[in-house]
Amino acid sequence: MSPITTHVLDTARGRPATGVPVTVEFMSEGQWITIGSGATGNDGRLTDLVPERLKLRPGYYRISFATAAYSAFYPRIEVTFVIENASEHYHIPLLLSPFGYSTYRGS
């Protein structure tokens, strides 16, 4: 399993958000470097976002969701987070509705 995973739930419809393009980046020397990308599956999950062989480093990461198909008001959502312990797994879910969203560190 990827060291960083996600899933997107469309809370307005009460269903997984399928086909959402997702990108994850790492901040290196003041620039964002893409380390993985993909799209959510039928269950709204993306478990192979970052290659398993990639070793995370402590630092700033950003996960971006291209959500235009689900929310014209929030066509793109970016979540920046900090990894302190690079040996842990990080699950970053997104709960999405037409005029709001929330995220948290999952398990």
PDB file of N, CA and C in Angstrom:
ATOM      1  N   MET A   1       0.847  -1.187   0.000  1.00  0.00           N
ATOM      2  CA  MET A   1       0.000   0.000   0.000  1.00  0.00           C
ATOM      3  C   MET A   1       0.886   1.242   0.000  1.00  0.00           C
ATOM      4  N   SER A   2       0.416   2.237  -0.647  1.00  0.00           N
ATOM      5  CA  SER A   2       1.106   3.527  -0.721  1.00  0.00           C
ATOM      6  C   SER A   2       1.271   4.123   0.678  1.00  0.00           C
ATOM      7  N   PRO A   3       2.371   4.851   0.929  1.00  0.00           N
ATOM      8  CA  PRO A   3       2.532   5.492   2.242  1.00  0.00           C
ATOM      9  C   PRO A   3       1.555   6.647   2.473  1.00  0.00           C
ATOM     10  N   ILE A   4       0.958   7.164   1.387  1.00  0.00           N
ATOM     11  CA  ILE A   4      -0.085   8.197   1.487  1.00  0.00           C
ATOM     12  C   ILE A   4      -1.278   7.699   0.685  1.00  0.00           C
ATOM     13  N   THR A   5      -2.446   7.640   1.331  1.00  0.00           N
ATOM     14  CA  THR A   5      -3.667   7.213   0.653  1.00  0.00           C
ATOM     15  C   THR A   5      -4.766   8.238   0.898  1.00  0.00           C
ATOM     16  N   THR A   6      -5.856   8.106   0.146  1.00  0.00           N
ATOM     17  CA  THR A   6      -6.982   9.023   0.311  1.00  0.00           C
ATOM     18  C   THR A   6      -8.270   8.324  -0.099  1.00  0.00           C
ATOM     19  N   HIS A   7      -9.355   8.928   0.256  1.00  0.00           N
ATOM     20  CA  HIS A   7     -10.643   8.597  -0.341  1.00  0.00           C
ATOM     21  C   HIS A   7     -11.498   9.855  -0.310  1.00  0.00           C
ATOM     22  N   VAL A   8     -12.426   9.923  -1.267  1.00  0.00           N
ATOM     23  CA  VAL A   8     -13.288  11.099  -1.399  1.00  0.00           C
ATOM     24  C   VAL A   8     -14.733  10.623  -1.338  1.00  0.00           C
ATOM     25  N   LEU A   9     -15.494  11.227  -0.442  1.00  0.00           N
ATOM     26  CA  LEU A   9     -16.912  10.904  -0.300  1.00  0.00           C
ATOM     27  C   LEU A   9     -17.745  12.120  -0.659  1.00  0.00           C
ATOM     28  N   ASP A  10     -18.715  11.921  -1.514  1.00  0.00           N
ATOM     29  CA  ASP A  10     -19.655  12.972  -1.895  1.00  0.00           C
ATOM     30  C   ASP A  10     -20.786  12.933  -0.877  1.00  0.00           C
ATOM     31  N   THR A  11     -20.714  13.807   0.117  1.00  0.00           N
ATOM     32  CA  THR A  11     -21.693  13.768   1.203  1.00  0.00           C
ATOM     33  C   THR A  11     -23.076  14.252   0.765  1.00  0.00           C
ATOM     34  N   ALA A  12     -23.164  15.022  -0.313  1.00  0.00           N
ATOM     35  CA  ALA A  12     -24.472  15.468  -0.802  1.00  0.00           C
ATOM     36  C   ALA A  12     -25.254  14.299  -1.391  1.00  0.00           C
ATOM     37  N   ARG A  13     -24.548  13.372  -2.017  1.00  0.00           N
ATOM     38  CA  ARG A  13     -25.190  12.210  -2.625  1.00  0.00           C
ATOM     39  C   ARG A  13     -25.129  10.977  -1.729  1.00  0.00           C
ATOM     40  N   GLY A  14     -24.284  11.045  -0.692  1.00  0.00           N
ATOM     41  CA  GLY A  14     -24.121   9.902   0.180  1.00  0.00           C
ATOM     42  C   GLY A  14     -23.416   8.746  -0.490  1.00  0.00           C
ATOM     43  N   ARG A  15     -22.471   9.066  -1.401  1.00  0.00           N
ATOM     44  CA  ARG A  15     -21.790   8.035  -2.185  1.00  0.00           C
ATOM     45  C   ARG A  15     -20.313   8.380  -2.358  1.00  0.00           C
ATOM     46  N   PRO A  16     -19.505   7.400  -2.691  1.00  0.00           N
ATOM     47  CA  PRO A  16     -18.107   7.697  -3.014  1.00  0.00           C
ATOM     48  C   PRO A  16     -18.029   8.581  -4.259  1.00  0.00           C
ATOM     49  N   ALA A  17     -17.036   9.435  -4.298  1.00  0.00           N
ATOM     50  CA  ALA A  17     -16.795  10.281  -5.462  1.00  0.00           C
ATOM     51  C   ALA A  17     -15.796   9.551  -6.356  1.00  0.00           C
ATOM     52  N   THR A  18     -16.261   9.051  -7.467  1.00  0.00           N
ATOM     53  CA  THR A  18     -15.413   8.262  -8.364  1.00  0.00           C
ATOM     54  C   THR A  18     -14.771   9.147  -9.433  1.00  0.00           C
ATOM     55  N   GLY A  19     -13.586   8.752  -9.857  1.00  0.00           N
ATOM     56  CA  GLY A  19     -12.902   9.431 -10.956  1.00  0.00           C
ATOM     57  C   GLY A  19     -12.331  10.792 -10.619  1.00  0.00           C
ATOM     58  N   VAL A  20     -12.132  11.099  -9.344  1.00  0.00           N
ATOM     59  CA  VAL A  20     -11.569  12.398  -8.963  1.00  0.00           C
ATOM     60  C   VAL A  20     -10.047  12.344  -9.133  1.00  0.00           C
ATOM     61  N   PRO A  21      -9.477  13.191 -10.002  1.00  0.00           N
ATOM     62  CA  PRO A  21      -8.023  13.239 -10.138  1.00  0.00           C
ATOM     63  C   PRO A  21      -7.377  13.807  -8.871  1.00  0.00           C
ATOM     64  N   VAL A  22      -6.304  13.146  -8.431  1.00  0.00           N
ATOM     65  CA  VAL A  22      -5.614  13.521  -7.200  1.00  0.00           C
ATOM     66  C   VAL A  22      -4.113  13.555  -7.477  1.00  0.00           C
ATOM     67  N   THR A  23      -3.443  14.562  -6.918  1.00  0.00           N
ATOM     68  CA  THR A  23      -1.992  14.689  -7.032  1.00  0.00           C
ATOM     69  C   THR A  23      -1.430  14.941  -5.645  1.00  0.00           C
ATOM     70  N   VAL A  24      -0.273  14.356  -5.355  1.00  0.00           N
ATOM     71  CA  VAL A  24       0.412  14.634  -4.091  1.00  0.00           C
ATOM     72  C   VAL A  24       1.813  15.150  -4.419  1.00  0.00           C
ATOM     73  N   GLU A  25       2.191  16.180  -3.656  1.00  0.00           N
ATOM     74  CA  GLU A  25       3.477  16.842  -3.890  1.00  0.00           C
ATOM     75  C   GLU A  25       4.245  16.972  -2.582  1.00  0.00           C
ATOM     76  N   PHE A  26       5.563  17.120  -2.707  1.00  0.00           N
ATOM     77  CA  PHE A  26       6.470  17.318  -1.579  1.00  0.00           C
ATOM     78  C   PHE A  26       7.192  18.647  -1.782  1.00  0.00           C
ATOM     79  N   MET A  27       7.315  19.432  -0.706  1.00  0.00           N
ATOM     80  CA  MET A  27       8.025  20.708  -0.777  1.00  0.00           C
ATOM     81  C   MET A  27       9.520  20.445  -0.653  1.00  0.00           C
ATOM     82  N   SER A  28      10.256  20.784  -1.706  1.00  0.00           N
ATOM     83  CA  SER A  28      11.699  20.584  -1.718  1.00  0.00           C
ATOM     84  C   SER A  28      12.377  21.874  -2.164  1.00  0.00           C
ATOM     85  N   GLU A  29      13.158  22.438  -1.281  1.00  0.00           N
ATOM     86  CA  GLU A  29      13.903  23.668  -1.573  1.00  0.00           C
ATOM     87  C   GLU A  29      13.000  24.773  -2.123  1.00  0.00           C
ATOM     88  N   GLY A  30      11.818  24.915  -1.502  1.00  0.00           N
ATOM     89  CA  GLY A  30      10.900  25.985  -1.855  1.00  0.00           C
ATOM     90  C   GLY A  30      10.032  25.729  -3.071  1.00  0.00           C
ATOM     91  N   GLN A  31      10.085  24.522  -3.630  1.00  0.00           N
ATOM     92  CA  GLN A  31       9.260  24.196  -4.797  1.00  0.00           C
ATOM     93  C   GLN A  31       8.490  22.905  -4.555  1.00  0.00           C
ATOM     94  N   TRP A  32       7.276  22.852  -5.092  1.00  0.00           N
ATOM     95  CA  TRP A  32       6.470  21.647  -4.992  1.00  0.00           C
ATOM     96  C   TRP A  32       6.907  20.668  -6.078  1.00  0.00           C
ATOM     97  N   ILE A  33       7.208  19.435  -5.661  1.00  0.00           N
ATOM     98  CA  ILE A  33       7.625  18.372  -6.567  1.00  0.00           C
ATOM     99  C   ILE A  33       6.555  17.284  -6.527  1.00  0.00           C
ATOM    100  N   THR A  34       5.990  16.928  -7.673  1.00  0.00           N
ATOM    101  CA  THR A  34       4.982  15.873  -7.727  1.00  0.00           C
ATOM    102  C   THR A  34       5.623  14.524  -7.436  1.00  0.00           C
ATOM    103  N   ILE A  35       5.041  13.795  -6.478  1.00  0.00           N
ATOM    104  CA  ILE A  35       5.557  12.466  -6.145  1.00  0.00           C
ATOM    105  C   ILE A  35       4.541  11.364  -6.438  1.00  0.00           C
ATOM    106  N   GLY A  36       3.323  11.737  -6.811  1.00  0.00           N
ATOM    107  CA  GLY A  36       2.320  10.736  -7.144  1.00  0.00           C
ATOM    108  C   GLY A  36       1.033  11.363  -7.639  1.00  0.00           C
ATOM    109  N   SER A  37       0.266  10.561  -8.371  1.00  0.00           N
ATOM    110  CA  SER A  37      -1.034  11.027  -8.863  1.00  0.00           C
ATOM    111  C   SER A  37      -1.871   9.818  -9.260  1.00  0.00           C
ATOM    112  N   GLY A  38      -3.148  10.070  -9.432  1.00  0.00           N
ATOM    113  CA  GLY A  38      -4.076   9.026  -9.838  1.00  0.00           C
ATOM    114  C   GLY A  38      -5.491   9.553  -9.764  1.00  0.00           C
ATOM    115  N   ALA A  39      -6.458   8.659  -9.821  1.00  0.00           N
ATOM    116  CA  ALA A  39      -7.873   9.032  -9.732  1.00  0.00           C
ATOM    117  C   ALA A  39      -8.578   8.040  -8.820  1.00  0.00           C
ATOM    118  N   THR A  40      -9.581   8.522  -8.104  1.00  0.00           N
ATOM    119  CA  THR A  40     -10.320   7.657  -7.195  1.00  0.00           C
ATOM    120  C   THR A  40     -11.092   6.598  -7.981  1.00  0.00           C
ATOM    121  N   GLY A  41     -11.204   5.417  -7.374  1.00  0.00           N
ATOM    122  CA  GLY A  41     -11.923   4.315  -7.996  1.00  0.00           C
ATOM    123  C   GLY A  41     -13.401   4.343  -7.675  1.00  0.00           C
ATOM    124  N   ASN A  42     -14.087   3.256  -7.988  1.00  0.00           N
ATOM    125  CA  ASN A  42     -15.533   3.171  -7.756  1.00  0.00           C
ATOM    126  C   ASN A  42     -15.910   3.307  -6.292  1.00  0.00           C
ATOM    127  N   ASP A  43     -14.972   2.965  -5.400  1.00  0.00           N
ATOM    128  CA  ASP A  43     -15.236   3.095  -3.968  1.00  0.00           C
ATOM    129  C   ASP A  43     -14.751   4.431  -3.413  1.00  0.00           C
ATOM    130  N   GLY A  44     -14.308   5.343  -4.304  1.00  0.00           N
ATOM    131  CA  GLY A  44     -13.835   6.658  -3.895  1.00  0.00           C
ATOM    132  C   GLY A  44     -12.430   6.647  -3.325  1.00  0.00           C
ATOM    133  N   ARG A  45     -11.777   5.498  -3.333  1.00  0.00           N
ATOM    134  CA  ARG A  45     -10.456   5.368  -2.724  1.00  0.00           C
ATOM    135  C   ARG A  45      -9.340   5.421  -3.763  1.00  0.00           C
ATOM    136  N   LEU A  46      -8.180   5.814  -3.272  1.00  0.00           N
ATOM    137  CA  LEU A  46      -6.966   5.818  -4.088  1.00  0.00           C
ATOM    138  C   LEU A  46      -5.850   5.315  -3.181  1.00  0.00           C
ATOM    139  N   THR A  47      -5.517   4.035  -3.328  1.00  0.00           N
ATOM    140  CA  THR A  47      -4.544   3.407  -2.437  1.00  0.00           C
ATOM    141  C   THR A  47      -3.153   3.303  -3.045  1.00  0.00           C
ATOM    142  N   ASP A  48      -3.002   3.637  -4.318  1.00  0.00           N
ATOM    143  CA  ASP A  48      -1.682   3.585  -4.955  1.00  0.00           C
ATOM    144  C   ASP A  48      -1.239   4.975  -5.422  1.00  0.00           C
ATOM    145  N   LEU A  49      -1.547   5.961  -4.617  1.00  0.00           N
ATOM    146  CA  LEU A  49      -1.257   7.360  -4.942  1.00  0.00           C
ATOM    147  C   LEU A  49       0.238   7.636  -5.070  1.00  0.00           C
ATOM    148  N   VAL A  50       1.016   7.089  -4.163  1.00  0.00           N
ATOM    149  CA  VAL A  50       2.469   7.265  -4.146  1.00  0.00           C
ATOM    150  C   VAL A  50       3.092   5.880  -4.269  1.00  0.00           C
ATOM    151  N   PRO A  51       4.103   5.699  -5.097  1.00  0.00           N
ATOM    152  CA  PRO A  51       4.722   4.376  -5.206  1.00  0.00           C
ATOM    153  C   PRO A  51       5.207   3.861  -3.851  1.00  0.00           C
ATOM    154  N   GLU A  52       4.957   2.579  -3.579  1.00  0.00           N
ATOM    155  CA  GLU A  52       5.370   1.985  -2.299  1.00  0.00           C
ATOM    156  C   GLU A  52       6.867   2.115  -2.075  1.00  0.00           C
ATOM    157  N   ARG A  53       7.643   2.051  -3.135  1.00  0.00           N
ATOM    158  CA  ARG A  53       9.104   2.105  -3.005  1.00  0.00           C
ATOM    159  C   ARG A  53       9.607   3.491  -2.600  1.00  0.00           C
ATOM    160  N   LEU A  54       8.761   4.517  -2.752  1.00  0.00           N
ATOM    161  CA  LEU A  54       9.167   5.874  -2.389  1.00  0.00           C
ATOM    162  C   LEU A  54       9.222   5.998  -0.872  1.00  0.00           C
ATOM    163  N   LYS A  55      10.325   6.433  -0.363  1.00  0.00           N
ATOM    164  CA  LYS A  55      10.478   6.651   1.073  1.00  0.00           C
ATOM    165  C   LYS A  55      10.127   8.101   1.383  1.00  0.00           C
ATOM    166  N   LEU A  56       9.143   8.278   2.237  1.00  0.00           N
ATOM    167  CA  LEU A  56       8.759   9.629   2.638  1.00  0.00           C
ATOM    168  C   LEU A  56       9.873  10.251   3.459  1.00  0.00           C
ATOM    169  N   ARG A  57       9.915  11.570   3.430  1.00  0.00           N
ATOM    170  CA  ARG A  57      10.839  12.333   4.272  1.00  0.00           C
ATOM    171  C   ARG A  57      10.009  13.282   5.115  1.00  0.00           C
ATOM    172  N   PRO A  58      10.497  13.635   6.279  1.00  0.00           N
ATOM    173  CA  PRO A  58       9.791  14.658   7.052  1.00  0.00           C
ATOM    174  C   PRO A  58       9.711  15.948   6.224  1.00  0.00           C
ATOM    175  N   GLY A  59       8.588  16.639   6.351  1.00  0.00           N
ATOM    176  CA  GLY A  59       8.436  17.896   5.638  1.00  0.00           C
ATOM    177  C   GLY A  59       7.000  18.177   5.268  1.00  0.00           C
ATOM    178  N   TYR A  60       6.830  19.141   4.369  1.00  0.00           N
ATOM    179  CA  TYR A  60       5.509  19.586   3.933  1.00  0.00           C
ATOM    180  C   TYR A  60       5.079  18.824   2.689  1.00  0.00           C
ATOM    181  N   TYR A  61       3.817  18.401   2.713  1.00  0.00           N
ATOM    182  CA  TYR A  61       3.214  17.696   1.589  1.00  0.00           C
ATOM    183  C   TYR A  61       1.903  18.401   1.237  1.00  0.00           C
ATOM    184  N   ARG A  62       1.509  18.272  -0.021  1.00  0.00           N
ATOM    185  CA  ARG A  62       0.239  18.856  -0.467  1.00  0.00           C
ATOM    186  C   ARG A  62      -0.480  17.828  -1.332  1.00  0.00           C
ATOM    187  N   ILE A  63      -1.742  17.598  -0.994  1.00  0.00           N
ATOM    188  CA  ILE A  63      -2.579  16.720  -1.799  1.00  0.00           C
ATOM    189  C   ILE A  63      -3.654  17.594  -2.449  1.00  0.00           C
ATOM    190  N   SER A  64      -3.797  17.456  -3.770  1.00  0.00           N
ATOM    191  CA  SER A  64      -4.728  18.292  -4.534  1.00  0.00           C
ATOM    192  C   SER A  64      -5.793  17.413  -5.172  1.00  0.00           C
ATOM    193  N   PHE A  65      -7.032  17.846  -5.043  1.00  0.00           N
ATOM    194  CA  PHE A  65      -8.177  17.133  -5.589  1.00  0.00           C
ATOM    195  C   PHE A  65      -8.826  18.000  -6.674  1.00  0.00           C
ATOM    196  N   ALA A  66      -8.956  17.491  -7.874  1.00  0.00           N
ATOM    197  CA  ALA A  66      -9.637  18.206  -8.960  1.00  0.00           C
ATOM    198  C   ALA A  66     -11.123  17.856  -8.882  1.00  0.00           C
ATOM    199  N   THR A  67     -11.883  18.671  -8.169  1.00  0.00           N
ATOM    200  CA  THR A  67     -13.256  18.345  -7.776  1.00  0.00           C
ATOM    201  C   THR A  67     -14.337  19.044  -8.600  1.00  0.00           C
ATOM    202  N   ALA A  68     -13.990  19.609  -9.736  1.00  0.00           N
ATOM    203  CA  ALA A  68     -14.959  20.383 -10.530  1.00  0.00           C
ATOM    204  C   ALA A  68     -16.208  19.586 -10.883  1.00  0.00           C
ATOM    205  N   ALA A  69     -16.091  18.293 -11.097  1.00  0.00           N
ATOM    206  CA  ALA A  69     -17.260  17.477 -11.447  1.00  0.00           C
ATOM    207  C   ALA A  69     -18.234  17.342 -10.281  1.00  0.00           C
ATOM    208  N   TYR A  70     -17.770  17.634  -9.067  1.00  0.00           N
ATOM    209  CA  TYR A  70     -18.602  17.487  -7.873  1.00  0.00           C
ATOM    210  C   TYR A  70     -18.973  18.814  -7.233  1.00  0.00           C
ATOM    211  N   SER A  71     -18.209  19.851  -7.486  1.00  0.00           N
ATOM    212  CA  SER A  71     -18.473  21.135  -6.856  1.00  0.00           C
ATOM    213  C   SER A  71     -17.931  22.265  -7.728  1.00  0.00           C
ATOM    214  N   ALA A  72     -18.829  22.994  -8.378  1.00  0.00           N
ATOM    215  CA  ALA A  72     -18.399  24.130  -9.193  1.00  0.00           C
ATOM    216  C   ALA A  72     -17.839  25.248  -8.315  1.00  0.00           C
ATOM    217  N   PHE A  73     -18.286  25.308  -7.064  1.00  0.00           N
ATOM    218  CA  PHE A  73     -17.815  26.344  -6.160  1.00  0.00           C
ATOM    219  C   PHE A  73     -16.392  26.068  -5.697  1.00  0.00           C
ATOM    220  N   TYR A  74     -16.053  24.795  -5.508  1.00  0.00           N
ATOM    221  CA  TYR A  74     -14.698  24.360  -5.127  1.00  0.00           C
ATOM    222  C   TYR A  74     -14.153  23.435  -6.212  1.00  0.00           C
ATOM    223  N   PRO A  75     -13.728  23.978  -7.347  1.00  0.00           N
ATOM    224  CA  PRO A  75     -13.279  23.120  -8.446  1.00  0.00           C
ATOM    225  C   PRO A  75     -11.944  22.429  -8.178  1.00  0.00           C
ATOM    226  N   ARG A  76     -11.191  22.933  -7.216  1.00  0.00           N
ATOM    227  CA  ARG A  76      -9.912  22.331  -6.834  1.00  0.00           C
ATOM    228  C   ARG A  76      -9.714  22.556  -5.338  1.00  0.00           C
ATOM    229  N   ILE A  77      -9.363  21.495  -4.648  1.00  0.00           N
ATOM    230  CA  ILE A  77      -9.127  21.574  -3.210  1.00  0.00           C
ATOM    231  C   ILE A  77      -7.698  21.119  -2.945  1.00  0.00           C
ATOM    232  N   GLU A  78      -6.959  21.950  -2.230  1.00  0.00           N
ATOM    233  CA  GLU A  78      -5.583  21.624  -1.875  1.00  0.00           C
ATOM    234  C   GLU A  78      -5.465  21.551  -0.359  1.00  0.00           C
ATOM    235  N   VAL A  79      -4.867  20.471   0.108  1.00  0.00           N
ATOM    236  CA  VAL A  79      -4.691  20.255   1.539  1.00  0.00           C
ATOM    237  C   VAL A  79      -3.196  20.094   1.788  1.00  0.00           C
ATOM    238  N   THR A  80      -2.631  20.996   2.572  1.00  0.00           N
ATOM    239  CA  THR A  80      -1.220  20.928   2.924  1.00  0.00           C
ATOM    240  C   THR A  80      -1.101  20.352   4.319  1.00  0.00           C
ATOM    241  N   PHE A  81      -0.172  19.409   4.494  1.00  0.00           N
ATOM    242  CA  PHE A  81       0.013  18.780   5.794  1.00  0.00           C
ATOM    243  C   PHE A  81       1.495  18.520   6.031  1.00  0.00           C
ATOM    244  N   VAL A  82       1.832  18.250   7.282  1.00  0.00           N
ATOM    245  CA  VAL A  82       3.224  18.039   7.679  1.00  0.00           C
ATOM    246  C   VAL A  82       3.411  16.584   8.081  1.00  0.00           C
ATOM    247  N   ILE A  83       4.457  15.986   7.559  1.00  0.00           N
ATOM    248  CA  ILE A  83       4.856  14.647   7.979  1.00  0.00           C
ATOM    249  C   ILE A  83       6.087  14.796   8.858  1.00  0.00           C
ATOM    250  N   GLU A  84       5.950  14.361  10.098  1.00  0.00           N
ATOM    251  CA  GLU A  84       7.085  14.381  11.023  1.00  0.00           C
ATOM    252  C   GLU A  84       7.731  13.006  11.118  1.00  0.00           C
ATOM    253  N   ASN A  85       6.910  11.959  11.165  1.00  0.00           N
ATOM    254  CA  ASN A  85       7.410  10.597  11.251  1.00  0.00           C
ATOM    255  C   ASN A  85       7.196   9.922   9.901  1.00  0.00           C
ATOM    256  N   ALA A  86       8.232   9.859   9.102  1.00  0.00           N
ATOM    257  CA  ALA A  86       8.123   9.360   7.732  1.00  0.00           C
ATOM    258  C   ALA A  86       7.878   7.859   7.651  1.00  0.00           C
ATOM    259  N   SER A  87       7.952   7.142   8.761  1.00  0.00           N
ATOM    260  CA  SER A  87       7.717   5.701   8.731  1.00  0.00           C
ATOM    261  C   SER A  87       6.236   5.347   8.918  1.00  0.00           C
ATOM    262  N   GLU A  88       5.408   6.321   9.222  1.00  0.00           N
ATOM    263  CA  GLU A  88       3.976   6.076   9.420  1.00  0.00           C
ATOM    264  C   GLU A  88       3.224   6.139   8.095  1.00  0.00           C
ATOM    265  N   HIS A  89       2.015   5.583   8.101  1.00  0.00           N
ATOM    266  CA  HIS A  89       1.105   5.674   6.967  1.00  0.00           C
ATOM    267  C   HIS A  89       0.228   6.914   7.156  1.00  0.00           C
ATOM    268  N   TYR A  90      -0.054   7.620   6.075  1.00  0.00           N
ATOM    269  CA  TYR A  90      -0.878   8.835   6.138  1.00  0.00           C
ATOM    270  C   TYR A  90      -2.081   8.668   5.220  1.00  0.00           C
ATOM    271  N   HIS A  91      -3.276   8.738   5.823  1.00  0.00           N
ATOM    272  CA  HIS A  91      -4.525   8.635   5.074  1.00  0.00           C
ATOM    273  C   HIS A  91      -5.235   9.978   5.199  1.00  0.00           C
ATOM    274  N   ILE A  92      -5.468  10.631   4.067  1.00  0.00           N
ATOM    275  CA  ILE A  92      -6.046  11.978   4.048  1.00  0.00           C
ATOM    276  C   ILE A  92      -7.383  11.925   3.292  1.00  0.00           C
ATOM    277  N   PRO A  93      -8.498  11.674   3.980  1.00  0.00           N
ATOM    278  CA  PRO A  93      -9.805  11.643   3.323  1.00  0.00           C
ATOM    279  C   PRO A  93     -10.347  13.053   3.062  1.00  0.00           C
ATOM    280  N   LEU A  94     -11.256  13.124   2.094  1.00  0.00           N
ATOM    281  CA  LEU A  94     -11.946  14.372   1.771  1.00  0.00           C
ATOM    282  C   LEU A  94     -13.437  14.094   1.752  1.00  0.00           C
ATOM    283  N   LEU A  95     -14.188  14.847   2.546  1.00  0.00           N
ATOM    284  CA  LEU A  95     -15.652  14.805   2.532  1.00  0.00           C
ATOM    285  C   LEU A  95     -16.111  16.037   1.774  1.00  0.00           C
ATOM    286  N   LEU A  96     -16.879  15.832   0.722  1.00  0.00           N
ATOM    287  CA  LEU A  96     -17.167  16.894  -0.240  1.00  0.00           C
ATOM    288  C   LEU A  96     -18.664  17.089  -0.433  1.00  0.00           C
ATOM    289  N   SER A  97     -19.080  18.353  -0.483  1.00  0.00           N
ATOM    290  CA  SER A  97     -20.452  18.703  -0.855  1.00  0.00           C
ATOM    291  C   SER A  97     -20.368  19.933  -1.761  1.00  0.00           C
ATOM    292  N   PRO A  98     -21.461  20.341  -2.398  1.00  0.00           N
ATOM    293  CA  PRO A  98     -21.375  21.446  -3.349  1.00  0.00           C
ATOM    294  C   PRO A  98     -20.818  22.749  -2.765  1.00  0.00           C
ATOM    295  N   PHE A  99     -21.088  23.040  -1.492  1.00  0.00           N
ATOM    296  CA  PHE A  99     -20.639  24.313  -0.921  1.00  0.00           C
ATOM    297  C   PHE A  99     -19.808  24.154   0.339  1.00  0.00           C
ATOM    298  N   GLY A 100     -19.164  23.012   0.487  1.00  0.00           N
ATOM    299  CA  GLY A 100     -18.305  22.806   1.635  1.00  0.00           C
ATOM    300  C   GLY A 100     -17.503  21.528   1.519  1.00  0.00           C
ATOM    301  N   TYR A 101     -16.462  21.444   2.321  1.00  0.00           N
ATOM    302  CA  TYR A 101     -15.662  20.233   2.391  1.00  0.00           C
ATOM    303  C   TYR A 101     -14.963  20.182   3.739  1.00  0.00           C
ATOM    304  N   SER A 102     -14.539  18.989   4.111  1.00  0.00           N
ATOM    305  CA  SER A 102     -13.729  18.818   5.312  1.00  0.00           C
ATOM    306  C   SER A 102     -12.753  17.682   5.074  1.00  0.00           C
ATOM    307  N   THR A 103     -11.706  17.682   5.851  1.00  0.00           N
ATOM    308  CA  THR A 103     -10.684  16.663   5.741  1.00  0.00           C
ATOM    309  C   THR A 103     -10.127  16.393   7.138  1.00  0.00           C
ATOM    310  N   TYR A 104      -9.452  15.281   7.276  1.00  0.00           N
ATOM    311  CA  TYR A 104      -8.886  14.907   8.564  1.00  0.00           C
ATOM    312  C   TYR A 104      -7.813  13.860   8.301  1.00  0.00           C
ATOM    313  N   ARG A 105      -7.031  13.560   9.313  1.00  0.00           N
ATOM    314  CA  ARG A 105      -6.075  12.456   9.174  1.00  0.00           C
ATOM    315  C   ARG A 105      -6.787  11.189   9.592  1.00  0.00           C
ATOM    316  N   GLY A 106      -6.968  10.312   8.656  1.00  0.00           N
ATOM    317  CA  GLY A 106      -7.637   9.047   8.906  1.00  0.00           C
ATOM    318  C   GLY A 106      -6.655   7.987   9.339  1.00  0.00           C
ATOM    319  N   SER A 107      -7.138   6.756   9.359  1.00  0.00           N
ATOM    320  CA  SER A 107      -6.271   5.644   9.760  1.00  0.00           C
ATOM    321  C   SER A 107      -6.180   4.611   8.664  1.00  0.00           C
TER     322      SER A 107
END
